[in-house]
Amino acid sequence: MKAHSHASSAGGHGFSRLVRPTLSDEAAVQIHGFLERMINLFESCYFDQLQRFYQQRDEDAMNQHDDHLRCDWNWDDPPF
């Protein structure tokens, strides 16, 4: 198996600078299937933690957005 650097971009994750071995189509498909099974296993084991993290992150983002929309206008004080 030869290793060489691919010049193509892979989503901006620095993979274009990574030295990767040349794989046959079948090997690439087998590795891809293995990685999919591993991520599915990881997600099933840590689903609750992942869910809590992303839910809290989304709530924090919404709260920050709400802070920017708050108006400090005193509605009891006429403008003139």
C-alpha atoms as a PDB file:
ATOM      1  CA  MET A   1       0.000   0.000   0.000  1.00  0.00           C
ATOM      2  CA  LYS A   2       1.487   3.315  -1.087  1.00  0.00           C
ATOM      3  CA  ALA A   3       1.067   6.463   0.963  1.00  0.00           C
ATOM      4  CA  HIS A   4       0.839   9.846  -0.627  1.00  0.00           C
ATOM      5  CA  SER A   5      -0.690  13.226  -0.009  1.00  0.00           C
ATOM      6  CA  HIS A   6      -3.947  13.993  -1.777  1.00  0.00           C
ATOM      7  CA  ALA A   7      -4.372  17.573  -2.914  1.00  0.00           C
ATOM      8  CA  SER A   8      -8.162  17.473  -2.875  1.00  0.00           C
ATOM      9  CA  SER A   9     -10.081  19.236  -0.144  1.00  0.00           C
ATOM     10  CA  ALA A  10     -12.149  17.170   2.267  1.00  0.00           C
ATOM     11  CA  GLY A  11     -14.438  19.635   3.961  1.00  0.00           C
ATOM     12  CA  GLY A  12     -11.815  21.974   5.375  1.00  0.00           C
ATOM     13  CA  HIS A  13     -10.702  19.657   8.171  1.00  0.00           C
ATOM     14  CA  GLY A  14      -7.046  19.638   7.181  1.00  0.00           C
ATOM     15  CA  PHE A  15      -7.376  16.293   5.398  1.00  0.00           C
ATOM     16  CA  SER A  16      -5.883  17.782   2.269  1.00  0.00           C
ATOM     17  CA  ARG A  17      -2.539  17.991   4.112  1.00  0.00           C
ATOM     18  CA  LEU A  18      -2.846  14.493   5.593  1.00  0.00           C
ATOM     19  CA  VAL A  19      -0.706  11.742   4.128  1.00  0.00           C
ATOM     20  CA  ARG A  20      -3.098   8.900   3.368  1.00  0.00           C
ATOM     21  CA  PRO A  21      -2.498   5.439   1.969  1.00  0.00           C
ATOM     22  CA  THR A  22      -3.932   4.554  -1.410  1.00  0.00           C
ATOM     23  CA  LEU A  23      -6.837   2.146  -0.881  1.00  0.00           C
ATOM     24  CA  SER A  24      -8.677  -0.103  -3.251  1.00  0.00           C
ATOM     25  CA  ASP A  25     -12.363   0.677  -3.724  1.00  0.00           C
ATOM     26  CA  GLU A  26     -13.300  -2.398  -1.706  1.00  0.00           C
ATOM     27  CA  ALA A  27     -10.970  -1.456   1.176  1.00  0.00           C
ATOM     28  CA  ALA A  28     -12.348   2.093   1.244  1.00  0.00           C
ATOM     29  CA  VAL A  29     -15.922   0.744   1.392  1.00  0.00           C
ATOM     30  CA  GLN A  30     -15.043  -1.724   4.165  1.00  0.00           C
ATOM     31  CA  ILE A  31     -13.333   0.955   6.262  1.00  0.00           C
ATOM     32  CA  HIS A  32     -16.247   3.319   5.680  1.00  0.00           C
ATOM     33  CA  GLY A  33     -18.707   0.643   6.865  1.00  0.00           C
ATOM     34  CA  PHE A  34     -16.569  -0.021   9.949  1.00  0.00           C
ATOM     35  CA  LEU A  35     -16.436   3.684  10.824  1.00  0.00           C
ATOM     36  CA  GLU A  36     -20.221   4.005  10.381  1.00  0.00           C
ATOM     37  CA  ARG A  37     -20.782   1.074  12.753  1.00  0.00           C
ATOM     38  CA  MET A  38     -18.373   2.594  15.277  1.00  0.00           C
ATOM     39  CA  ILE A  39     -20.082   6.008  15.244  1.00  0.00           C
ATOM     40  CA  ASN A  40     -23.487   4.318  15.601  1.00  0.00           C
ATOM     41  CA  LEU A  41     -22.196   2.331  18.579  1.00  0.00           C
ATOM     42  CA  PHE A  42     -20.677   5.466  20.118  1.00  0.00           C
ATOM     43  CA  GLU A  43     -23.905   7.408  19.658  1.00  0.00           C
ATOM     44  CA  SER A  44     -25.995   4.604  21.176  1.00  0.00           C
ATOM     45  CA  CYS A  45     -23.695   4.448  24.227  1.00  0.00           C
ATOM     46  CA  TYR A  46     -23.457   8.203  24.775  1.00  0.00           C
ATOM     47  CA  PHE A  47     -26.775   9.416  23.351  1.00  0.00           C
ATOM     48  CA  ASP A  48     -27.978  11.002  26.596  1.00  0.00           C
ATOM     49  CA  GLN A  49     -24.762  12.960  27.063  1.00  0.00           C
ATOM     50  CA  LEU A  50     -24.692  14.093  23.450  1.00  0.00           C
ATOM     51  CA  GLN A  51     -28.347  15.131  23.652  1.00  0.00           C
ATOM     52  CA  ARG A  52     -27.785  17.123  26.871  1.00  0.00           C
ATOM     53  CA  PHE A  53     -24.765  18.895  25.426  1.00  0.00           C
ATOM     54  CA  TYR A  54     -26.462  19.941  22.189  1.00  0.00           C
ATOM     55  CA  GLN A  55     -29.711  20.889  23.941  1.00  0.00           C
ATOM     56  CA  GLN A  56     -27.828  23.086  26.421  1.00  0.00           C
ATOM     57  CA  ARG A  57     -25.783  24.650  23.613  1.00  0.00           C
ATOM     58  CA  ASP A  58     -28.957  25.431  21.664  1.00  0.00           C
ATOM     59  CA  GLU A  59     -30.628  26.921  24.748  1.00  0.00           C
ATOM     60  CA  ASP A  60     -27.553  29.065  25.437  1.00  0.00           C
ATOM     61  CA  ALA A  61     -27.544  30.302  21.844  1.00  0.00           C
ATOM     62  CA  MET A  62     -31.253  31.155  22.039  1.00  0.00           C
ATOM     63  CA  ASN A  63     -30.735  33.018  25.323  1.00  0.00           C
ATOM     64  CA  GLN A  64     -27.893  35.038  23.814  1.00  0.00           C
ATOM     65  CA  HIS A  65     -30.105  35.833  20.836  1.00  0.00           C
ATOM     66  CA  ASP A  66     -32.943  36.871  23.181  1.00  0.00           C
ATOM     67  CA  ASP A  67     -30.566  39.181  25.079  1.00  0.00           C
ATOM     68  CA  HIS A  68     -29.910  41.095  21.862  1.00  0.00           C
ATOM     69  CA  LEU A  69     -33.634  41.485  21.211  1.00  0.00           C
ATOM     70  CA  ARG A  70     -34.535  42.834  24.635  1.00  0.00           C
ATOM     71  CA  CYS A  71     -35.670  46.412  24.670  1.00  0.00           C
ATOM     72  CA  ASP A  72     -34.901  48.594  27.697  1.00  0.00           C
ATOM     73  CA  TRP A  73     -37.648  51.006  26.737  1.00  0.00           C
ATOM     74  CA  ASN A  74     -39.667  52.305  29.639  1.00  0.00           C
ATOM     75  CA  TRP A  75     -43.202  52.074  28.270  1.00  0.00           C
ATOM     76  CA  ASP A  76     -44.563  54.155  31.177  1.00  0.00           C
ATOM     77  CA  ASP A  77     -42.368  57.119  30.229  1.00  0.00           C
ATOM     78  CA  PRO A  78     -43.792  59.083  27.248  1.00  0.00           C
ATOM     79  CA  PRO A  79     -41.235  59.845  24.507  1.00  0.00           C
ATOM     80  CA  PHE A  80     -41.899  63.602  24.566  1.00  0.00           C
END
